[in-house]
Protein backbone atom coordinates (compact mmCIF):
# COMPACT_ATOMS: atom_id res chain seq x y z
CA MET A 1 -49.24 59.49 58.40
CA HIS A 2 -51.94 61.16 56.29
CA PHE A 3 -52.05 61.39 52.52
CA SER A 4 -54.18 64.01 50.86
CA PRO A 5 -56.77 62.52 48.46
CA ARG A 6 -55.37 62.10 45.03
CA SER A 7 -56.83 60.41 42.03
CA LEU A 8 -55.31 58.03 39.55
CA LEU A 9 -57.41 58.27 36.47
CA LEU A 10 -57.44 55.12 34.33
CA PHE A 11 -59.05 54.76 30.99
CA ALA A 12 -58.38 51.74 28.70
CA ILE A 13 -58.50 51.42 24.96
CA LEU A 14 -59.99 48.10 24.10
CA GLY A 15 -60.78 47.14 20.55
CA THR A 16 -59.49 45.81 17.27
CA PHE A 17 -58.26 48.04 14.48
CA THR A 18 -58.72 46.11 11.23
CA LEU A 19 -56.59 47.02 8.24
CA ALA A 20 -58.33 46.65 4.89
CA ALA A 21 -55.28 47.47 2.78
CA CYS A 22 -52.08 49.45 3.12
CA GLY A 23 -49.16 50.52 1.02
CA GLY A 24 -45.52 50.76 1.99
CA GLY A 25 -43.19 53.72 1.74
CA GLY A 26 -43.60 57.38 2.48
CA GLY A 27 -46.08 57.94 -0.33
CA GLY A 28 -48.08 54.72 0.15
CA THR A 29 -51.85 54.59 0.36
CA THR A 30 -53.97 53.22 3.17
CA THR A 31 -57.62 52.27 3.02
CA PRO A 32 -59.28 53.85 6.09
CA ILE A 33 -59.53 51.49 9.00
CA THR A 34 -63.01 50.24 9.89
CA ALA A 35 -64.31 52.16 12.91
CA PRO A 36 -63.93 49.79 15.84
CA ASP A 37 -66.41 48.98 18.54
CA SER A 38 -64.16 49.59 21.51
CA ILE A 39 -63.93 50.52 25.15
CA GLY A 40 -61.27 52.97 26.25
CA PHE A 41 -58.93 53.18 29.28
CA THR A 42 -55.99 55.63 29.92
CA VAL A 43 -54.03 56.21 33.11
CA GLY A 44 -53.09 59.43 34.90
CA ASP A 45 -52.67 61.09 38.29
CA ALA A 46 -52.14 64.27 40.28
CA PRO A 47 -49.12 64.90 42.55
CA ALA A 48 -49.16 63.81 46.20
CA ASP A 49 -47.81 66.01 48.98
CA THR A 50 -45.72 63.43 50.78
CA LEU A 51 -44.31 61.24 47.98
CA SER A 52 -42.04 62.05 45.06
CA THR A 53 -42.75 58.80 43.19
CA ALA A 54 -45.37 56.06 43.37
CA MET A 55 -44.80 53.13 41.02
CA VAL A 56 -47.81 50.83 40.68
CA THR A 57 -48.02 47.70 38.52
CA ILE A 58 -51.48 46.71 37.32
CA SER A 59 -51.59 43.01 36.46
CA SER A 60 -55.27 42.42 35.73
CA LEU A 61 -58.26 44.42 34.49
CA LYS A 62 -61.63 42.73 33.94
CA LEU A 63 -65.18 43.81 33.21
CA VAL A 64 -67.91 41.90 35.06
CA ALA A 65 -71.32 41.44 33.46
CA GLN A 66 -74.62 41.99 35.24
CA GLY A 67 -75.58 38.70 36.82
CA GLY A 68 -71.96 37.54 36.95
CA GLY A 69 -69.34 36.36 34.52
CA ALA A 70 -66.14 38.29 33.86
CA THR A 71 -64.11 38.93 30.75
CA ALA A 72 -60.64 37.53 30.44
CA ASN A 73 -57.83 39.76 31.68
CA LEU A 74 -57.88 42.74 29.31
CA LEU A 75 -54.19 43.47 29.87
CA PRO A 76 -51.88 41.39 27.65
CA ALA A 77 -49.09 41.98 30.18
CA PRO A 78 -48.67 43.75 33.55
CA ARG A 79 -48.39 47.52 33.14
CA SER A 80 -46.22 49.63 35.46
CA PHE A 81 -46.72 53.40 35.81
CA GLU A 82 -45.05 56.11 37.86
CA PHE A 83 -48.37 57.74 38.67
CA LEU A 84 -47.14 60.93 40.32
CA GLY A 85 -45.52 61.97 37.05
CA LEU A 86 -48.91 61.93 35.33
CA SER A 87 -50.27 65.13 36.86
CA THR A 88 -51.34 66.79 33.63
CA LYS A 89 -51.79 63.86 31.28
CA GLN A 90 -53.12 60.34 30.84
CA ALA A 91 -51.16 57.43 29.41
CA LEU A 92 -52.23 54.53 27.22
CA LEU A 93 -53.05 51.43 29.26
CA ALA A 94 -54.08 48.67 26.85
CA LEU A 95 -55.30 47.63 23.41
CA THR A 96 -57.33 44.43 23.22
CA SER A 97 -60.31 42.90 21.48
CA GLN A 98 -61.43 40.58 24.28
CA VAL A 99 -64.70 42.31 25.11
CA PRO A 100 -67.85 40.32 24.24
CA ALA A 101 -71.08 42.21 23.68
CA GLY A 102 -73.04 42.61 26.90
CA THR A 103 -73.98 44.82 29.83
CA TYR A 104 -71.22 45.29 32.39
CA ASP A 105 -71.86 46.79 35.82
CA ARG A 106 -68.44 46.64 37.46
CA VAL A 107 -64.67 46.48 37.08
CA GLU A 108 -62.23 44.12 38.79
CA LEU A 109 -58.67 45.35 39.20
CA VAL A 110 -55.53 43.63 40.52
CA VAL A 111 -52.25 45.33 41.50
CA ASN A 112 -49.23 43.08 41.97
CA ALA A 113 -46.45 45.54 42.88
CA VAL A 114 -46.17 48.95 44.52
CA SER A 115 -43.15 51.08 45.43
CA ALA A 116 -42.74 54.68 46.58
CA LYS A 117 -40.18 57.33 47.49
CA ASP A 118 -40.55 60.26 49.87
CA LEU A 119 -39.93 63.89 48.91
CA ALA A 120 -36.19 63.44 49.51
CA GLY A 121 -36.09 60.56 47.03
CA VAL A 122 -35.62 57.94 49.77
CA PRO A 123 -37.49 54.65 49.21
CA VAL A 124 -40.45 54.07 51.54
CA ALA A 125 -41.25 50.53 52.70
CA VAL A 126 -44.60 49.59 51.15
CA GLN A 127 -46.44 46.33 51.84
CA LEU A 128 -49.06 45.28 49.27
CA ASN A 129 -51.82 44.44 51.74
CA THR A 130 -55.02 44.35 49.64
CA PRO A 131 -54.10 44.00 45.96
CA THR A 132 -57.58 43.33 44.52
CA GLY A 133 -60.75 45.37 44.32
CA THR A 134 -64.13 45.77 42.62
CA ALA A 135 -65.95 48.99 41.69
CA TYR A 136 -69.43 49.48 40.19
CA PHE A 137 -70.17 51.92 37.37
CA THR A 138 -73.32 52.90 39.27
CA ASP A 139 -71.40 54.06 42.36
CA PHE A 140 -71.36 57.63 41.02
CA GLY A 141 -74.98 57.57 39.91
CA GLY A 142 -74.03 56.39 36.43
CA ALA A 143 -75.44 53.59 34.31
CA PRO A 144 -73.93 50.19 33.57
CA LEU A 145 -71.69 49.93 30.53
CA VAL A 146 -73.61 48.58 27.54
CA PHE A 147 -71.31 47.28 24.82
CA ALA A 148 -73.09 46.14 21.65
CA GLY A 149 -71.60 47.58 18.48
CA ASN A 150 -72.00 51.13 19.75
CA GLY A 151 -68.63 52.54 18.73
CA TYR A 152 -65.99 53.88 21.08
CA VAL A 153 -66.94 53.93 24.79
CA PRO A 154 -64.46 55.59 27.20
CA CYS A 155 -64.39 54.41 30.81
CA SER A 156 -62.44 55.54 33.86
CA VAL A 157 -61.11 53.84 36.96
CA ASP A 158 -60.34 56.30 39.76
CA ILE A 159 -57.81 54.93 42.26
CA ASN A 160 -57.88 56.91 45.50
CA LEU A 161 -54.28 57.24 46.69
CA SER A 162 -55.14 58.77 50.05
CA ARG A 163 -57.25 55.75 50.96
CA SER A 164 -55.02 53.19 49.25
CA PHE A 165 -51.83 54.32 51.04
CA VAL A 166 -52.14 54.11 54.84
CA ALA A 167 -49.60 54.01 57.65
CA ASP A 168 -48.25 50.57 58.51
CA PRO A 169 -48.79 50.11 62.28
CA SER A 170 -46.26 47.28 62.39
CA ASN A 171 -43.52 49.30 60.64
CA PRO A 172 -43.21 52.96 61.69
CA GLY A 173 -42.55 55.11 58.64
CA GLY A 174 -43.76 52.38 56.33
CA LEU A 175 -46.97 52.16 54.34
CA LEU A 176 -49.65 49.61 53.55
CA PHE A 177 -51.34 49.62 50.15
CA ASN A 178 -55.02 48.65 50.15
CA LEU A 179 -56.52 49.05 46.68
CA VAL A 180 -59.48 51.49 46.69
CA PHE A 181 -60.97 52.73 43.43
CA ASN A 182 -64.13 53.79 41.59
CA ALA A 183 -65.28 53.19 38.01
CA MET A 184 -67.26 55.41 35.65
CA VAL A 185 -68.31 55.58 32.02
CA GLN A 186 -66.83 58.85 30.76
CA ASN A 187 -67.01 61.06 27.70
CA ALA A 188 -63.31 61.97 27.84
CA THR A 189 -61.03 60.27 25.32
CA SER A 190 -57.77 62.21 25.54
CA PHE A 191 -54.61 60.52 26.67
CA ASP A 192 -50.93 61.23 26.64
CA GLU A 193 -47.88 59.89 24.96
CA PHE A 194 -47.47 56.42 23.54
CA ARG A 195 -44.99 54.97 21.07
CA ALA A 196 -45.81 53.52 17.66
CA GLU A 197 -43.91 52.07 14.70
CA ILE A 198 -44.82 53.59 11.32
CA VAL A 199 -46.37 51.14 8.84
CA SER A 200 -47.60 53.42 6.04
CA THR A 201 -48.61 57.01 5.32
CA THR A 202 -51.22 58.89 3.28
CA PRO A 203 -49.89 62.47 3.09
CA LEU A 204 -52.86 63.79 1.09
CA THR A 205 -55.29 62.92 3.92
CA GLY A 206 -52.90 63.74 6.77
CA ARG A 207 -53.05 60.19 8.13
CA PHE A 208 -50.59 57.42 8.86
CA LEU A 209 -50.91 53.85 10.07
CA ALA A 210 -48.78 52.77 13.04
CA HIS A 211 -48.26 49.68 15.14
CA ILE A 212 -48.61 50.37 18.88
CA ILE A 213 -45.48 49.64 20.94
CA ASP A 214 -45.43 48.92 24.66
CA ASP A 215 -41.92 49.14 26.12
CA ARG A 216 -43.13 47.22 29.18
CA ALA A 217 -44.09 44.19 27.05
CA PRO A 218 -42.37 44.56 23.64
CA THR A 219 -43.28 41.03 22.54
CA GLN A 220 -47.02 41.64 22.93
CA ASP A 221 -49.21 42.66 19.99
CA PHE A 222 -51.08 45.86 20.84
CA GLY A 223 -52.59 46.38 17.41
CA LEU A 224 -52.63 48.90 14.57
CA LEU A 225 -53.96 52.42 14.82
CA GLU A 226 -54.81 55.04 12.21
CA ILE A 227 -53.51 58.45 13.29
CA GLN A 228 -54.60 61.85 11.95
CA VAL A 229 -52.47 65.02 12.00
CA ALA A 230 -53.19 68.50 10.66
CA ASP A 231 -51.35 71.70 9.83
CA GLY A 232 -50.43 73.55 13.02
CA ASP A 233 -50.04 70.43 15.17
CA TYR A 234 -46.77 69.92 17.04
CA MET A 235 -44.82 67.70 14.59
CA VAL A 236 -41.07 67.16 15.09
CA GLN A 237 -38.71 65.36 12.70
CA GLU A 238 -35.72 63.24 13.76
CA ASP A 239 -33.31 66.15 13.44
CA GLY A 240 -35.42 68.28 15.80
CA ARG A 241 -37.12 70.42 13.15
CA VAL A 242 -40.68 71.45 13.96
CA MET A 243 -42.73 70.90 10.79
CA GLY A 244 -45.39 73.39 9.75
CA THR A 245 -47.54 71.18 7.50
CA ALA A 246 -48.93 67.69 7.90
CA MET A 247 -48.12 66.78 4.29
CA GLY A 248 -44.48 67.80 4.68
CA PHE A 249 -44.19 65.89 7.93
CA LEU A 250 -45.73 62.69 6.51
CA ASN A 251 -43.66 62.88 3.32
CA ASP A 252 -40.50 62.83 5.46
CA MET A 253 -41.61 59.86 7.58
CA ARG A 254 -39.58 56.67 7.37
CA MET A 255 -41.34 53.32 7.48
CA GLY A 256 -40.24 51.15 10.40
CA HIS A 257 -39.14 54.12 12.52
CA THR A 258 -40.93 55.03 15.73
CA VAL A 259 -42.88 58.07 16.84
CA GLN A 260 -44.17 59.42 20.14
CA VAL A 261 -47.84 60.35 19.88
CA SER A 262 -50.27 62.33 22.05
CA GLY A 263 -53.89 63.25 21.36
CA SER A 264 -57.40 61.84 21.64
CA MET A 265 -59.39 58.90 20.37
CA GLN A 266 -62.33 59.69 18.08
CA THR A 267 -65.61 57.78 17.95
CA SER A 268 -64.71 56.82 14.37
CA GLY A 269 -61.75 54.80 15.64
CA VAL A 270 -59.20 57.28 14.22
CA PHE A 271 -56.73 58.73 16.74
CA ARG A 272 -56.51 62.54 16.41
CA ALA A 273 -52.92 63.41 17.28
CA THR A 274 -51.93 66.89 18.41
CA ARG A 275 -48.29 66.01 19.07
CA VAL A 276 -46.05 63.60 17.09
CA ILE A 277 -42.28 63.32 17.51
CA MET A 278 -40.07 61.12 15.33
CA GLU A 279 -37.54 59.18 17.39
CA ASP A 280 -33.87 58.85 16.46
CA GLY A 281 -33.53 55.42 14.91
CA GLY A 282 -35.96 52.77 13.72
CA GLY A 283 -38.22 50.39 15.59
CA LEU A 284 -37.48 49.10 19.04
CA GLY A 285 -33.78 49.20 18.27
CA GLY A 286 -33.74 52.99 18.05
CA SER A 287 -31.22 54.95 20.05
CA ASP A 288 -33.77 56.71 22.30
CA ARG A 289 -34.52 53.67 24.45
CA ILE A 290 -34.56 55.56 27.77
CA GLU A 291 -36.41 58.78 28.56
CA ILE A 292 -36.52 60.83 31.76
CA GLU A 293 -38.66 63.88 32.44
CA GLY A 294 -37.13 66.32 34.89
CA GLU A 295 -36.01 69.81 35.81
CA ILE A 296 -32.54 71.26 35.23
CA GLN A 297 -31.01 72.24 38.57
CA SER A 298 -27.65 73.63 37.41
CA ILE A 299 -25.58 73.60 34.26
CA ASP A 300 -21.87 73.76 33.38
CA THR A 301 -21.76 74.70 29.71
CA GLY A 302 -17.98 74.44 29.49
CA ALA A 303 -17.95 70.89 30.84
CA GLY A 304 -21.05 69.94 28.85
CA ILE A 305 -23.01 68.67 31.85
CA PHE A 306 -26.10 69.58 33.86
CA GLU A 307 -27.78 68.29 37.00
CA LEU A 308 -31.27 66.89 36.35
CA PHE A 309 -33.91 66.56 39.09
CA ILE A 310 -35.83 63.39 38.16
CA LYS A 311 -39.61 63.77 37.98
CA GLU A 312 -40.59 60.70 35.96
CA THR A 313 -39.04 57.85 34.02
CA GLU A 314 -41.00 57.80 30.77
CA LYS A 315 -39.19 54.84 29.18
CA GLY A 316 -36.62 52.27 30.27
CA ALA A 317 -37.63 52.18 33.94
CA SER A 318 -35.75 48.93 34.65
CA SER A 319 -32.43 50.33 33.34
CA VAL A 320 -32.92 53.60 35.21
CA ASP A 321 -33.87 51.90 38.46
CA THR A 322 -30.83 49.59 38.30
CA ALA A 323 -28.47 52.54 37.85
CA LEU A 324 -30.14 54.66 40.55
CA VAL A 325 -30.00 51.83 43.08
CA ALA A 326 -26.27 51.50 42.38
CA LEU A 327 -25.90 55.23 43.09
CA GLY A 328 -27.91 55.12 46.31
CA ASN A 329 -31.21 56.38 44.79
CA PRO A 330 -30.27 60.05 44.29
CA ALA A 331 -32.95 62.61 43.46
CA THR A 332 -30.71 64.15 40.77
CA ILE A 333 -28.34 62.79 38.13
CA THR A 334 -25.54 64.30 36.03
CA VAL A 335 -26.35 64.44 32.30
CA SER A 336 -23.72 65.10 29.63
CA PHE A 337 -24.26 66.62 26.17
CA ASP A 338 -22.14 67.56 23.15
CA ASN A 339 -22.47 68.76 19.56
CA SER A 340 -24.22 65.54 18.53
CA THR A 341 -27.01 65.92 21.08
CA ARG A 342 -30.32 66.62 19.35
CA LEU A 343 -32.30 69.57 20.68
CA ILE A 344 -36.04 69.09 20.09
CA GLY A 345 -38.77 71.68 20.26
CA ASP A 346 -38.90 75.45 20.39
CA HIS A 347 -35.10 75.83 20.04
CA ALA A 348 -34.59 73.12 17.42
CA ALA A 349 -32.58 75.46 15.21
CA ASN A 350 -29.72 74.96 17.66
CA SER A 351 -29.74 71.17 17.26
CA GLY A 352 -26.28 69.81 16.54
CA THR A 353 -24.73 73.29 16.44
CA GLY A 354 -22.97 73.27 19.78
CA LEU A 355 -25.52 75.78 21.14
CA VAL A 356 -27.46 73.23 23.21
CA GLY A 357 -25.76 74.39 26.39
CA THR A 358 -26.63 78.03 25.76
CA THR A 359 -30.28 77.13 25.29
CA LEU A 360 -30.65 75.22 28.58
CA VAL A 361 -31.09 77.12 31.85
CA PRO A 362 -31.73 76.11 35.48
CA GLY A 363 -35.41 75.62 36.27
CA MET A 364 -36.25 74.46 32.75
CA GLU A 365 -38.38 71.32 32.41
CA VAL A 366 -37.01 68.91 29.83
CA ASP A 367 -37.44 65.40 28.48
CA VAL A 368 -34.00 63.80 28.15
CA ARG A 369 -33.42 60.66 26.10
CA PHE A 370 -30.51 58.23 26.37
CA ALA A 371 -29.24 55.24 24.37
CA THR A 372 -27.74 53.65 27.51
CA PHE A 373 -28.00 54.33 31.23
CA ILE A 374 -25.15 52.80 33.20
CA ALA A 375 -23.88 53.99 36.60
CA PRO A 376 -21.98 55.97 37.72
CA GLY A 377 -22.53 58.42 34.85
CA PRO A 378 -22.47 61.14 33.66
CA PHE A 379 -25.32 59.85 31.49
CA ALA A 380 -24.93 60.89 27.85
CA ALA A 381 -28.07 62.45 26.34
CA THR A 382 -28.94 61.59 22.75
CA SER A 383 -31.67 64.24 22.66
CA ILE A 384 -33.14 66.94 24.90
CA GLU A 385 -36.70 68.13 24.38
CA VAL A 386 -37.52 71.71 25.37
CA GLY A 387 -40.89 73.40 24.89
CA ASP A 388 -42.51 70.05 24.09
CA GLY A 389 -45.81 71.35 22.76
CA ARG A 390 -47.89 69.64 25.45
CA SER A 391 -49.46 72.88 26.64
CA GLN A 392 -52.94 73.79 25.48
CA GLY A 393 -53.94 77.38 25.95
CA GLY A 394 -50.85 77.83 28.11
CA ASP A 395 -52.18 75.49 30.81
CA ASN A 396 -49.04 73.38 31.07
CA SER A 397 -46.32 75.83 30.09
CA GLY A 398 -43.47 76.58 32.46
CA VAL A 399 -42.23 74.86 35.61
CA CYS A 400 -44.55 73.61 38.36
CA TYR A 401 -44.01 75.04 41.87
CA GLU A 402 -45.75 73.91 45.06
CA GLY A 403 -46.42 76.05 48.09
CA THR A 404 -48.94 78.11 50.07
CA ILE A 405 -50.63 81.42 49.31
CA SER A 406 -49.26 83.89 51.86
CA SER A 407 -51.20 87.01 50.83
CA VAL A 408 -54.08 87.79 48.47
CA ALA A 409 -53.79 91.57 48.93
CA GLY A 410 -52.75 91.97 45.30
CA LEU A 411 -55.82 90.27 43.80
CA PRO A 412 -57.25 90.26 41.22
CA THR A 413 -53.93 90.78 39.42
CA SER A 414 -51.48 88.87 41.66
CA PHE A 415 -50.89 87.11 44.98
CA GLU A 416 -47.92 86.25 47.20
CA PHE A 417 -46.85 82.62 47.20
CA ALA A 418 -44.49 80.90 49.68
CA LEU A 419 -42.73 78.01 47.95
CA ASP A 420 -42.16 74.78 49.89
CA SER A 421 -38.67 74.47 51.34
CA SER A 422 -38.25 71.21 49.37
CA GLU A 423 -38.73 73.01 46.04
CA PRO A 424 -35.55 72.89 43.91
CA ALA A 425 -35.79 76.66 43.28
CA VAL A 426 -35.56 77.25 47.05
CA GLN A 427 -32.80 74.72 47.63
CA GLU A 428 -30.76 76.16 44.75
CA GLY A 429 -31.10 79.72 46.08
CA GLN A 430 -33.23 81.02 43.21
CA VAL A 431 -35.98 81.97 45.69
CA ALA A 432 -35.36 83.39 49.17
CA ALA A 433 -38.74 85.01 49.95
CA PRO A 434 -42.41 84.69 48.95
CA VAL A 435 -42.76 85.19 45.21
CA GLU A 436 -45.32 87.33 43.42
CA VAL A 437 -47.57 85.22 41.19
CA SER A 438 -48.95 87.25 38.30
CA LEU A 439 -52.36 86.45 36.82
CA ALA A 440 -51.84 88.79 33.87
CA ALA A 441 -51.58 85.92 31.35
CA GLY A 442 -55.05 84.65 32.28
CA PRO A 443 -54.09 81.31 33.85
CA THR A 444 -56.60 78.53 34.36
CA LEU A 445 -57.53 78.04 38.02
CA VAL A 446 -59.01 74.72 39.14
CA LEU A 447 -59.77 73.13 42.51
CA ASP A 448 -58.27 69.66 42.87
CA SER A 449 -61.40 68.17 44.44
CA GLY A 450 -64.78 66.70 43.56
CA PRO A 451 -65.75 67.77 40.01
CA ASN A 452 -62.54 69.86 39.71
CA PRO A 453 -64.41 73.16 39.39
CA THR A 454 -62.92 76.21 37.69
CA LEU A 455 -62.21 79.01 40.19
CA LEU A 456 -62.08 82.77 39.92
CA ALA A 457 -59.19 84.86 41.22
CA SER A 458 -61.55 86.12 43.92
CA ASP A 459 -61.91 82.52 45.20
CA LEU A 460 -58.26 82.41 46.26
CA VAL A 461 -57.61 82.84 50.00
CA ASP A 462 -54.62 83.13 52.32
CA GLY A 463 -53.21 79.86 53.62
CA ILE A 464 -54.46 77.60 50.83
CA ARG A 465 -52.08 75.12 49.19
CA CYS A 466 -51.47 75.44 45.44
CA GLU A 467 -49.47 74.16 42.52
CA VAL A 468 -48.47 77.09 40.31
CA ARG A 469 -47.15 76.50 36.81
CA GLY A 470 -45.27 79.25 35.02
CA ASP A 471 -41.95 80.98 34.41
CA LEU A 472 -39.81 82.14 37.36
CA ASN A 473 -37.98 85.45 37.01
CA GLY A 474 -36.18 87.99 39.19
CA ALA A 475 -33.68 88.06 42.05
CA PRO A 476 -34.09 85.59 44.96
CA LEU A 477 -35.64 88.19 47.31
CA TYR A 478 -37.94 89.63 44.63
CA ALA A 479 -38.77 86.65 42.41
CA SER A 480 -42.00 86.44 40.45
CA ILE A 481 -43.89 83.82 38.45
CA MET A 482 -45.95 84.57 35.35
CA SER A 483 -48.52 81.83 35.88
CA SER A 484 -50.17 79.74 33.15
CA HIS A 485 -52.05 77.24 35.33
CA ILE A 486 -52.94 77.11 39.05
CA LYS A 487 -54.23 74.01 40.80
CA VAL A 488 -55.69 74.75 44.24
CA LYS A 489 -55.47 71.96 46.78
CA PRO A 490 -58.57 71.64 48.95
CA GLY A 491 -58.70 71.74 52.71
CA GLU A 492 -59.36 68.39 54.38
CA MET A 493 -61.22 67.58 57.56
CA THR A 494 -62.71 64.57 59.31
CA GLY A 495 -65.61 64.65 61.74
CA LEU A 496 -69.14 63.54 62.53
CA LEU A 497 -72.15 64.64 60.49
CA THR A 498 -74.83 66.03 62.79
CA SER A 499 -77.39 67.60 60.45
CA VAL A 500 -78.34 68.26 56.81
CA ASP A 501 -80.37 71.30 55.74
CA LEU A 502 -81.81 70.50 52.31
CA GLY A 503 -83.35 73.96 51.89
CA ALA A 504 -80.06 75.76 52.47
CA SER A 505 -77.91 72.98 50.90
CA THR A 506 -75.68 72.86 53.98
CA ILE A 507 -74.31 70.22 56.32
CA THR A 508 -73.21 70.62 59.92
CA VAL A 509 -70.20 68.69 61.17
CA THR A 510 -68.48 68.27 64.51
CA VAL A 511 -64.81 68.57 63.55
CA ASN A 512 -62.41 65.89 64.78
CA GLN A 513 -59.29 66.78 62.80
CA ILE A 514 -58.05 69.24 60.15
CA ASP A 515 -55.60 67.51 57.84
CA ARG A 516 -54.98 70.40 55.46
CA SER A 517 -55.89 74.08 55.64
CA PHE A 518 -59.12 75.33 54.06
CA GLY A 519 -57.45 78.76 53.81
CA GLY A 520 -58.81 82.02 55.13
CA SER A 521 -58.52 83.46 58.59
CA THR A 522 -60.94 81.05 60.29
CA VAL A 523 -59.91 77.51 61.22
CA PRO A 524 -62.81 75.02 61.29
CA SER A 525 -63.34 73.78 64.85
CA GLY A 526 -66.14 72.56 67.04
CA SER A 527 -69.43 72.52 65.14
CA VAL A 528 -69.06 73.85 61.58
CA THR A 529 -71.64 74.43 58.85
CA LEU A 530 -70.49 73.98 55.26
CA GLN A 531 -72.23 74.99 52.05
CA VAL A 532 -72.50 71.98 49.70
CA ASP A 533 -72.11 72.95 46.06
CA THR A 534 -74.72 71.51 43.72
CA THR A 535 -72.02 69.70 41.71
CA ALA A 536 -70.11 68.36 44.73
CA HIS A 537 -69.25 64.67 44.89
CA LEU A 538 -71.11 62.93 47.73
CA ARG A 539 -70.65 59.30 48.73
CA GLY A 540 -72.21 57.30 51.52
CA GLU A 541 -71.04 53.80 52.41
CA GLY A 542 -69.15 53.79 49.08
CA ASP A 543 -72.20 54.72 46.95
CA ALA A 544 -72.61 57.99 45.06
CA MET A 545 -75.59 59.98 46.31
CA ALA A 546 -77.38 63.32 46.31
CA LEU A 547 -77.68 65.55 49.36
CA VAL A 548 -81.18 64.20 50.04
CA ASP A 549 -79.71 60.68 50.15
CA LEU A 550 -77.07 61.82 52.63
CA ALA A 551 -79.84 63.24 54.82
CA ALA A 552 -81.70 59.92 54.64
CA LEU A 553 -78.54 58.02 55.55
CA LEU A 554 -78.13 60.23 58.62
CA GLN A 555 -81.75 59.64 59.63
CA SER A 556 -81.35 55.87 59.23
CA LEU A 557 -78.70 55.57 61.96
CA GLY A 558 -79.56 53.07 64.62
CA ALA A 559 -78.73 53.04 68.30
CA GLY A 560 -74.99 53.17 68.90
CA GLU A 561 -74.21 54.38 65.35
CA GLU A 562 -72.79 57.64 64.04
CA LEU A 563 -71.97 59.02 60.58
CA SER A 564 -68.28 59.75 60.11
CA VAL A 565 -67.36 62.10 57.24
CA GLU A 566 -64.24 63.06 55.32
CA ILE A 567 -64.65 66.44 53.63
CA GLU A 568 -62.65 68.38 51.04
CA GLY A 569 -63.38 72.03 50.45
CA ILE A 570 -62.23 75.63 50.58
CA ALA A 571 -62.93 78.75 52.61
CA ASP A 572 -64.63 81.67 50.88
CA GLY A 573 -62.70 84.46 52.61
CA SER A 574 -65.67 85.50 54.77
CA GLY A 575 -65.40 82.82 57.41
CA ASN A 576 -67.58 80.36 55.48
CA PHE A 577 -66.66 76.96 54.05
CA ILE A 578 -67.70 75.25 50.81
CA ALA A 579 -67.67 71.44 50.56
CA TRP A 580 -66.76 69.91 47.20
CA ASP A 581 -66.23 66.27 48.20
CA VAL A 582 -67.98 64.47 51.08
CA ARG A 583 -67.46 60.81 51.98
CA ALA A 584 -69.69 59.38 54.71
CA GLU A 585 -69.44 56.08 56.54
CA ILE A 586 -71.56 54.61 59.33
CA GLN A 587 -69.52 53.72 62.40
CA VAL A 588 -70.43 51.86 65.58
CA ILE A 589 -69.79 53.95 68.70
CA SER A 590 -67.26 52.10 70.82
């Protein structure tokens, strides 16, 4: 079994947030928090082709100083994430102050539990084979992490799913998990939704103070955070109203109630929120204890129910898992709604009016919240979030569809796209032929490989795999998607490196196996020359390197040795191939 390379991006927020003084009540005052010296970690991922869920529990995260000596475990409690649901976002991992000043050159990570389901939602047997690992910050040509009162420092830990999940030879159909990851000091600070309990507000400055909540370890203290909002941000009150001004939103806040927050950490130690949603009820005892992100498959307005295809459990994973196991682990669940169900987001005017059912349509992506989740259902929704404000520049708007480009004859304005047979839109009969994907809205196009380069429409080729996000319209035989974001999946090959041409920036490879199409009319076979982009990621024996280093590694081979390579890239439509990610490893010829 082969898994296409996927990344799990981890960043952590480490640091103390010291409160000088704060006032209670909606109109209270808060002295600005001292800017912390902190290190940051969030967690995210991109979808895998062969799994629908991959739950990983991280039990330990340590920084190791140059010359030896590690920090204490920076996680106050094990953290479990459904990584495949984090395709367009990162999630908060930790808040801690246990980072002494020093120079750190590597990260130690421990995973203590892994589970997975295939595309049909059936659990896959996974054995945790190698749960520990170490990665150096210098592996990608970076510098060690120097932490000495230098403000906020974001770091990343990149877990390679394709290399971590491998076939279990002793259990056909099963998987082994061997932890493989890399670590880097980054300049990115954005991360996705976390929960916080409101402590005080300062409406005149657009800031509020909140206590971080971790549903996985509610008894742990994750610290206080000062959060900034501004007019025009996505701010939703408890009744579903979208607020237009920061002052109005903060004036309506209730102390002790909880909010869901997304945004980015600033070097000052203030969190700049772009999305804040008040939850229904106060503190950890609020009524929105369980949250599931999914796609509506069908709806019966008269009966007040709809079928929800589960994409990710955002909150209350233990309750959801218990109920799903009792039901035989279905991929979909029946959700009920009535006049009391809150509708959050773009259609909030319909909240509590009995028009919730007329707002929801099949294919719509929603976040559904529940007070309880007990089998057999139907599961009563307390709120349904539509048009959640996560999109930036349209990148994440609409439903995500996976498939293969079947024709680029319509470029630069459109292309034909054959959806996978496992896609809900195909199974529900919404799509019965290749769909036309329109580029009229100016979608972002990125390649899911190496440095994740931005592509042009002219870079798209027949036969390449893609994830297309947008709105589906039209009859089943003539459906179309107005795209907002397109992620192109790279071709994958393995082989033996035979030469490197530094002048032409090319490598020549004897192909052993093609694991995913590079697109275009030519299939790489035999001896193939690939153009290596100047920003491509190259690694040899686990170390980041330049093309000249790869050439030197090839020249250093001894008798009975060869240089095996795994390559990700894309065809250019003219029979040529461009490499964006190259991993080389010396092997002994048997």
